[in-house]
C-alpha atoms as a PDB file:
ATOM      1  CA  MET A   1      14.762  -4.092  -0.123  1.00  0.00           C
ATOM      2  CA  GLN A   2      14.526  -0.527  -0.262  1.00  0.00           C
ATOM      3  CA  PRO A   3      11.728   1.251   1.021  1.00  0.00           C
ATOM      4  CA  GLN A   4       8.891   2.025  -1.427  1.00  0.00           C
ATOM      5  CA  ILE A   5       7.437   5.659  -1.333  1.00  0.00           C
ATOM      6  CA  SER A   6       3.899   5.675  -0.952  1.00  0.00           C
ATOM      7  CA  ARG A   7       1.920   7.952  -3.601  1.00  0.00           C
ATOM      8  CA  PRO A   8      -1.695   7.782  -4.884  1.00  0.00           C
ATOM      9  CA  ALA A   9      -2.847   4.959  -7.786  1.00  0.00           C
ATOM     10  CA  GLY A  10      -5.729   4.829  -9.812  1.00  0.00           C
ATOM     11  CA  LEU A  11      -7.394   1.229 -10.189  1.00  0.00           C
ATOM     12  CA  GLY A  12      -9.711  -0.195 -12.738  1.00  0.00           C
ATOM     13  CA  VAL A  13     -11.773  -2.854 -12.991  1.00  0.00           C
ATOM     14  CA  PHE A  14     -13.531  -4.369 -15.828  1.00  0.00           C
ATOM     15  CA  ILE A  15     -15.893  -7.344 -15.072  1.00  0.00           C
ATOM     16  CA  VAL A  16     -17.746  -9.225 -17.786  1.00  0.00           C
ATOM     17  CA  ASN A  17     -20.297 -11.757 -16.518  1.00  0.00           C
ATOM     18  CA  THR A  18     -21.733 -14.092 -18.655  1.00  0.00           C
ATOM     19  CA  GLN A  19     -23.619 -16.207 -16.773  1.00  0.00           C
ATOM     20  CA  PRO A  20     -27.348 -17.125 -18.255  1.00  0.00           C
ATOM     21  CA  GLY A  21     -29.988 -14.651 -16.878  1.00  0.00           C
ATOM     22  CA  ALA A  22     -27.220 -12.335 -15.284  1.00  0.00           C
ATOM     23  CA  SER A  23     -25.255 -11.277 -18.043  1.00  0.00           C
ATOM     24  CA  SER A  24     -23.561  -7.898 -17.422  1.00  0.00           C
ATOM     25  CA  THR A  25     -20.361  -5.808 -18.103  1.00  0.00           C
ATOM     26  CA  ILE A  26     -19.003  -3.671 -14.630  1.00  0.00           C
ATOM     27  CA  TYR A  27     -16.932  -0.878 -14.679  1.00  0.00           C
ATOM     28  CA  ILE A  28     -15.048   0.590 -11.349  1.00  0.00           C
ATOM     29  CA  LYS A  29     -12.989   3.360 -11.308  1.00  0.00           C
ATOM     30  CA  ALA A  30     -11.204   3.540  -7.911  1.00  0.00           C
ATOM     31  CA  SER A  31      -8.225   5.199  -6.197  1.00  0.00           C
ATOM     32  CA  LEU A  32      -5.921   4.160  -3.743  1.00  0.00           C
ATOM     33  CA  ARG A  33      -4.265   6.688  -1.518  1.00  0.00           C
ATOM     34  CA  ASP A  34      -1.149   5.209  -0.262  1.00  0.00           C
ATOM     35  CA  CYS A  35       0.353   2.820  -3.132  1.00  0.00           C
ATOM     36  CA  SER A  36       3.750   1.724  -2.813  1.00  0.00           C
ATOM     37  CA  SER A  37       3.982  -0.381  -5.928  1.00  0.00           C
ATOM     38  CA  VAL A  38       2.500  -1.426  -8.970  1.00  0.00           C
ATOM     39  CA  LEU A  39       2.013  -4.873  -7.474  1.00  0.00           C
ATOM     40  CA  MET A  40       0.064  -3.284  -4.737  1.00  0.00           C
ATOM     41  CA  ALA A  41      -2.116  -1.324  -6.918  1.00  0.00           C
ATOM     42  CA  GLU A  42      -2.835  -4.861  -8.917  1.00  0.00           C
ATOM     43  CA  ALA A  43      -3.686  -6.848  -5.641  1.00  0.00           C
ATOM     44  CA  ALA A  44      -6.101  -3.879  -4.779  1.00  0.00           C
ATOM     45  CA  ALA A  45      -7.779  -4.158  -7.961  1.00  0.00           C
ATOM     46  CA  LEU A  46      -8.410  -7.701  -7.894  1.00  0.00           C
ATOM     47  CA  ALA A  47      -9.427  -7.201  -4.135  1.00  0.00           C
ATOM     48  CA  LEU A  48     -12.488  -4.652  -5.725  1.00  0.00           C
ATOM     49  CA  GLY A  49     -13.535  -7.348  -8.174  1.00  0.00           C
ATOM     50  CA  VAL A  50     -13.773 -10.600  -5.733  1.00  0.00           C
ATOM     51  CA  HIS A  51     -17.260 -11.998  -6.588  1.00  0.00           C
ATOM     52  CA  GLN A  52     -16.284 -13.242 -10.000  1.00  0.00           C
ATOM     53  CA  PRO A  53     -15.407 -16.915 -10.692  1.00  0.00           C
ATOM     54  CA  PHE A  54     -12.526 -15.714 -12.767  1.00  0.00           C
ATOM     55  CA  PHE A  55     -10.029 -13.426 -12.800  1.00  0.00           C
ATOM     56  CA  LEU A  56      -7.420 -12.073 -15.262  1.00  0.00           C
ATOM     57  CA  SER A  57      -4.308 -10.212 -14.281  1.00  0.00           C
ATOM     58  CA  ASP A  58      -1.350  -8.934 -16.055  1.00  0.00           C
ATOM     59  CA  ASN A  59       0.878  -9.521 -13.413  1.00  0.00           C
ATOM     60  CA  GLN A  60       2.799 -12.558 -13.552  1.00  0.00           C
ATOM     61  CA  GLN A  61       3.998 -12.263  -9.933  1.00  0.00           C
ATOM     62  CA  LEU A  62       0.381 -12.138  -8.635  1.00  0.00           C
ATOM     63  CA  VAL A  63      -0.693 -14.650 -10.630  1.00  0.00           C
ATOM     64  CA  ASN A  64       1.731 -16.973  -9.546  1.00  0.00           C
ATOM     65  CA  PHE A  65       0.992 -16.108  -5.830  1.00  0.00           C
ATOM     66  CA  PHE A  66      -2.556 -16.885  -5.745  1.00  0.00           C
ATOM     67  CA  ASN A  67      -2.371 -20.055  -7.726  1.00  0.00           C
ATOM     68  CA  GLY A  68       0.356 -21.315  -5.144  1.00  0.00           C
ATOM     69  CA  LYS A  69       0.043 -23.317  -2.153  1.00  0.00           C
ATOM     70  CA  ASP A  70       1.649 -20.628   0.101  1.00  0.00           C
ATOM     71  CA  HIS A  71      -0.381 -17.707   0.428  1.00  0.00           C
ATOM     72  CA  ALA A  72       0.948 -16.537   3.910  1.00  0.00           C
ATOM     73  CA  ASN A  73       3.692 -14.734   2.183  1.00  0.00           C
ATOM     74  CA  PRO A  74       2.655 -12.527  -0.602  1.00  0.00           C
ATOM     75  CA  PRO A  75       5.623 -10.942  -2.692  1.00  0.00           C
ATOM     76  CA  HIS A  76       5.577  -7.827  -0.662  1.00  0.00           C
ATOM     77  CA  TRP A  77       4.085  -7.495   2.875  1.00  0.00           C
ATOM     78  CA  ASP A  78       2.270  -4.076   2.242  1.00  0.00           C
ATOM     79  CA  ILE A  79      -0.098  -5.739  -0.187  1.00  0.00           C
ATOM     80  CA  LYS A  80      -1.338  -8.593   2.724  1.00  0.00           C
ATOM     81  CA  PRO A  81      -4.413  -6.621   3.270  1.00  0.00           C
ATOM     82  CA  PHE A  82      -5.446  -6.703  -0.535  1.00  0.00           C
ATOM     83  CA  THR A  83      -4.304 -10.562  -1.325  1.00  0.00           C
ATOM     84  CA  GLN A  84      -6.026 -11.691   1.998  1.00  0.00           C
ATOM     85  CA  THR A  85      -9.386 -10.193   1.059  1.00  0.00           C
ATOM     86  CA  PHE A  86      -8.875 -11.886  -2.146  1.00  0.00           C
ATOM     87  CA  ILE A  87      -7.801 -15.160  -0.812  1.00  0.00           C
ATOM     88  CA  ASN A  88     -10.704 -15.041   1.740  1.00  0.00           C
ATOM     89  CA  ILE A  89     -13.481 -14.412  -1.011  1.00  0.00           C
ATOM     90  CA  ILE A  90     -12.230 -16.745  -3.892  1.00  0.00           C
ATOM     91  CA  SER A  91     -11.743 -19.453  -1.456  1.00  0.00           C
ATOM     92  CA  ARG A  92     -15.390 -19.470  -1.027  1.00  0.00           C
ATOM     93  CA  ASN A  93     -16.552 -19.607  -4.532  1.00  0.00           C
ATOM     94  CA  ASN A  94     -13.771 -21.569  -6.266  1.00  0.00           C
ATOM     95  CA  ALA A  95     -12.685 -18.835  -8.154  1.00  0.00           C
ATOM     96  CA  LYS A  96      -9.489 -19.034 -10.561  1.00  0.00           C
ATOM     97  CA  ILE A  97      -7.088 -16.427 -11.650  1.00  0.00           C
ATOM     98  CA  PHE A  98      -5.159 -16.280 -15.045  1.00  0.00           C
ATOM     99  CA  LYS A  99      -2.356 -14.452 -16.458  1.00  0.00           C
ATOM    100  CA  VAL A 100      -3.557 -12.417 -19.512  1.00  0.00           C
ATOM    101  CA  ASP A 101      -1.033 -10.276 -21.492  1.00  0.00           C
ATOM    102  CA  ARG A 102      -1.233  -6.817 -20.732  1.00  0.00           C
ATOM    103  CA  LYS A 103      -2.140  -5.929 -24.773  1.00  0.00           C
ATOM    104  CA  LEU A 104      -5.395  -7.427 -23.805  1.00  0.00           C
ATOM    105  CA  ASN A 105      -6.010  -5.544 -20.262  1.00  0.00           C
ATOM    106  CA  ILE A 106      -6.660  -2.135 -21.968  1.00  0.00           C
ATOM    107  CA  THR A 107     -10.048  -1.439 -20.595  1.00  0.00           C
ATOM    108  CA  ALA A 108      -8.766  -2.144 -16.572  1.00  0.00           C
ATOM    109  CA  HIS A 109      -5.674  -0.020 -17.431  1.00  0.00           C
ATOM    110  CA  VAL A 110      -7.797   2.940 -19.273  1.00  0.00           C
ATOM    111  CA  LEU A 111     -10.088   2.880 -16.037  1.00  0.00           C
ATOM    112  CA  ALA A 112      -6.893   3.384 -13.854  1.00  0.00           C
ATOM    113  CA  ASN A 113      -5.650   5.789 -15.910  1.00  0.00           C
ATOM    114  CA  GLN A 114      -8.818   8.061 -15.368  1.00  0.00           C
ATOM    115  CA  ALA A 115      -9.016   7.090 -11.699  1.00  0.00           C
ATOM    116  CA  TYR A 116      -5.514   8.382 -11.230  1.00  0.00           C
ATOM    117  CA  ASN A 117      -6.054  11.701 -13.427  1.00  0.00           C
ATOM    118  CA  SER A 118      -9.807  12.496 -11.591  1.00  0.00           C
ATOM    119  CA  THR A 119      -9.926  15.401  -9.174  1.00  0.00           C
ATOM    120  CA  VAL A 120     -12.831  13.090  -7.071  1.00  0.00           C
ATOM    121  CA  ARG A 121     -11.046  12.821  -3.877  1.00  0.00           C
ATOM    122  CA  THR A 122     -14.078  11.042  -1.574  1.00  0.00           C
ATOM    123  CA  SER A 123     -16.500   8.324  -2.412  1.00  0.00           C
ATOM    124  CA  GLN A 124     -19.424  10.235  -0.509  1.00  0.00           C
ATOM    125  CA  GLY A 125     -20.806  11.501  -4.021  1.00  0.00           C
ATOM    126  CA  LEU A 126     -20.940   8.166  -5.572  1.00  0.00           C
ATOM    127  CA  LEU A 127     -23.807   6.833  -7.155  1.00  0.00           C
ATOM    128  CA  PRO A 128     -23.517   4.004  -8.955  1.00  0.00           C
ATOM    129  CA  THR A 129     -25.500   3.441 -11.606  1.00  0.00           C
ATOM    130  CA  CYS A 130     -27.034  -0.109 -13.159  1.00  0.00           C
ATOM    131  CA  THR A 131     -29.105  -0.067 -16.241  1.00  0.00           C
ATOM    132  CA  ASN A 132     -29.217  -3.959 -17.051  1.00  0.00           C
ATOM    133  CA  PRO A 133     -32.925  -4.665 -16.529  1.00  0.00           C
ATOM    134  CA  LEU A 134     -32.146  -8.203 -15.498  1.00  0.00           C
ATOM    135  CA  HIS A 135     -30.727  -6.601 -12.145  1.00  0.00           C
ATOM    136  CA  VAL A 136     -34.041  -5.381 -10.798  1.00  0.00           C
ATOM    137  CA  ASN A 137     -33.803  -7.195  -7.659  1.00  0.00           C
ATOM    138  CA  SER A 138     -29.785  -7.903  -7.206  1.00  0.00           C
ATOM    139  CA  CYS A 139     -26.906  -6.162  -9.185  1.00  0.00           C
ATOM    140  CA  PRO A 140     -23.727  -7.697  -8.849  1.00  0.00           C
ATOM    141  CA  LEU A 141     -22.094  -4.361  -9.016  1.00  0.00           C
ATOM    142  CA  MET A 142     -23.990  -3.544  -5.532  1.00  0.00           C
ATOM    143  CA  THR A 143     -22.313  -6.734  -4.203  1.00  0.00           C
ATOM    144  CA  ALA A 144     -18.856  -5.599  -5.370  1.00  0.00           C
ATOM    145  CA  ILE A 145     -18.893  -2.318  -3.927  1.00  0.00           C
ATOM    146  CA  ASN A 146     -20.089  -3.305  -0.577  1.00  0.00           C
ATOM    147  CA  SER A 147     -17.159  -5.693  -0.246  1.00  0.00           C
ATOM    148  CA  VAL A 148     -14.811  -2.875  -0.491  1.00  0.00           C
ATOM    149  CA  PRO A 149     -12.609  -3.030   2.414  1.00  0.00           C
ATOM    150  CA  GLY A 150     -12.287  -0.100   4.774  1.00  0.00           C
ATOM    151  CA  ASP A 151     -11.377   3.241   3.377  1.00  0.00           C
ATOM    152  CA  SER A 152      -8.100   2.289   1.791  1.00  0.00           C
ATOM    153  CA  PHE A 153     -10.031   2.981  -1.600  1.00  0.00           C
ATOM    154  CA  THR A 154     -11.758   6.244  -2.852  1.00  0.00           C
ATOM    155  CA  LEU A 155     -14.635   5.180  -5.272  1.00  0.00           C
ATOM    156  CA  ILE A 156     -14.673   7.315  -8.292  1.00  0.00           C
ATOM    157  CA  ALA A 157     -17.215   5.937 -10.911  1.00  0.00           C
ATOM    158  CA  ALA A 158     -19.066   2.533 -10.882  1.00  0.00           C
ATOM    159  CA  SER A 159     -21.443   1.404 -13.699  1.00  0.00           C
ATOM    160  CA  CYS A 160     -23.279  -1.679 -14.448  1.00  0.00           C
ATOM    161  CA  CYS A 161     -24.879  -2.882 -18.040  1.00  0.00           C
END
């Protein structure tokens, strides 16, 4: 296997929560400084949305890996931190991951493209917004943002409505 060149990547996470009394839509734009593959970017985006019960990915290789029995050997070793974060969380809340056609994953790809083209280079000025009146006491966006592992990501924008 040839070594991969690391470069920045844009990540887009689009979450639709349809639970009664807690319905919301969450949009997250983030960048990953050192990304060596599309597979790594997809795994990192999944790790950002880890508190939902169902996940959709247009990457068949990741869907097969997460739905398989052997979680010790991801398709590429450089994505292990992201796959392990995702596995740790989904194992606690019985989450499922499904393959979706790329044509149905447009919102996530638009967010990822906007994040990639963003000039924001640090998360320090990020002010997540929530306009959902049902989230007065607890917003799932804040839970998702607090679960972002370490300094791998730069959060660019995050909103819940």
